[in-house]
């Protein structure tokens, strides 16, 4: 088990990957550096290998698929994930790692939005999208995450081994954030500098297509993790619509004693029935979510025991190497 593993997902980053690997080695000389190549058509893997990184392949396209492979294959006390595009200076790497190793944080978020992101990033819709996602997730999940979409994060062993990766693409950052918040894991924010991509380096993120995927993933996770609130809101909308439609019928009945619009009255009845069904569905699912949280805590305890056993075995097998780490 590594003490610190630096994970760098890459797709066609030959212009920047050498500098990123070199900067990582300067900032964290004791760390193991893993570059996961995601079907690059340029010299990304070759350049990273020459720079001293361990190269591994992920053939299923998409950042989420790469992170799933990383988390399955690498065992470490602390993981630092950084993009291979040289947009994140490594000056804060040590601070982020120490938040995990010394303060027992489960996830450390590299907060770009509180520093230079809005001045350095040249794509205005990215700025709007990041601010929108931060506001929505913090409101829906009652969190205080400063940067939802950042690719610069540090993780504990416990987070990595209990995080089920379902996303295939760039929505993976949203999934990570909501997972940590939902299971009450310790999340820290560290302000980091951000710089725009160097000339000739092209972003793989499509503003609108990937933006819609991120929004869809957020709503899906809100439904899964907060079913009572989600279905309760749907029930409230149905009841409100029924009340608006029923009000003139009731007023007319009080005045004349007649109910001339039976179709509208029937629609009101169906809306109320749909609201009741939505509400009770949310209640049933909320019980299942509560059970899932209890099961997660049991699983987390097993993961912690597994980590301690691996560390003890490594210490007994190679005590001098462990001391150096």
Foldseek 3Di string as FASTA:
>chain_A
DAAEEEEEEDAQQVVFQLVVLLQCCVLCVRYAYEYEYAPHPDCNQVSNVVSPHHYHYDPQDAPLSSLLVVLVPDAHQKYWYAYRQPFFRCPCVVVQRCCCVPVVAAKEAAAAPVACCVPADPPVLVVVLQVVVQVVCCVLLVDNDRTQQHRTMMGGNLLSVLQDRDDGYSLRSNSSVVVCSLLVGGYHYDYTHTHDGPPPDDDPDDSPVVSVVNVVVNVVVSCQRQVLVVLLVVLVVLQVVLCVLCVVQVVVCVVPVDRPDVVSNVSSVVSNVSSVVSNVVSVVSNVVNVVVSVVSVVVSVVSVVVSVVVVVVCCVVPVVVVVVD
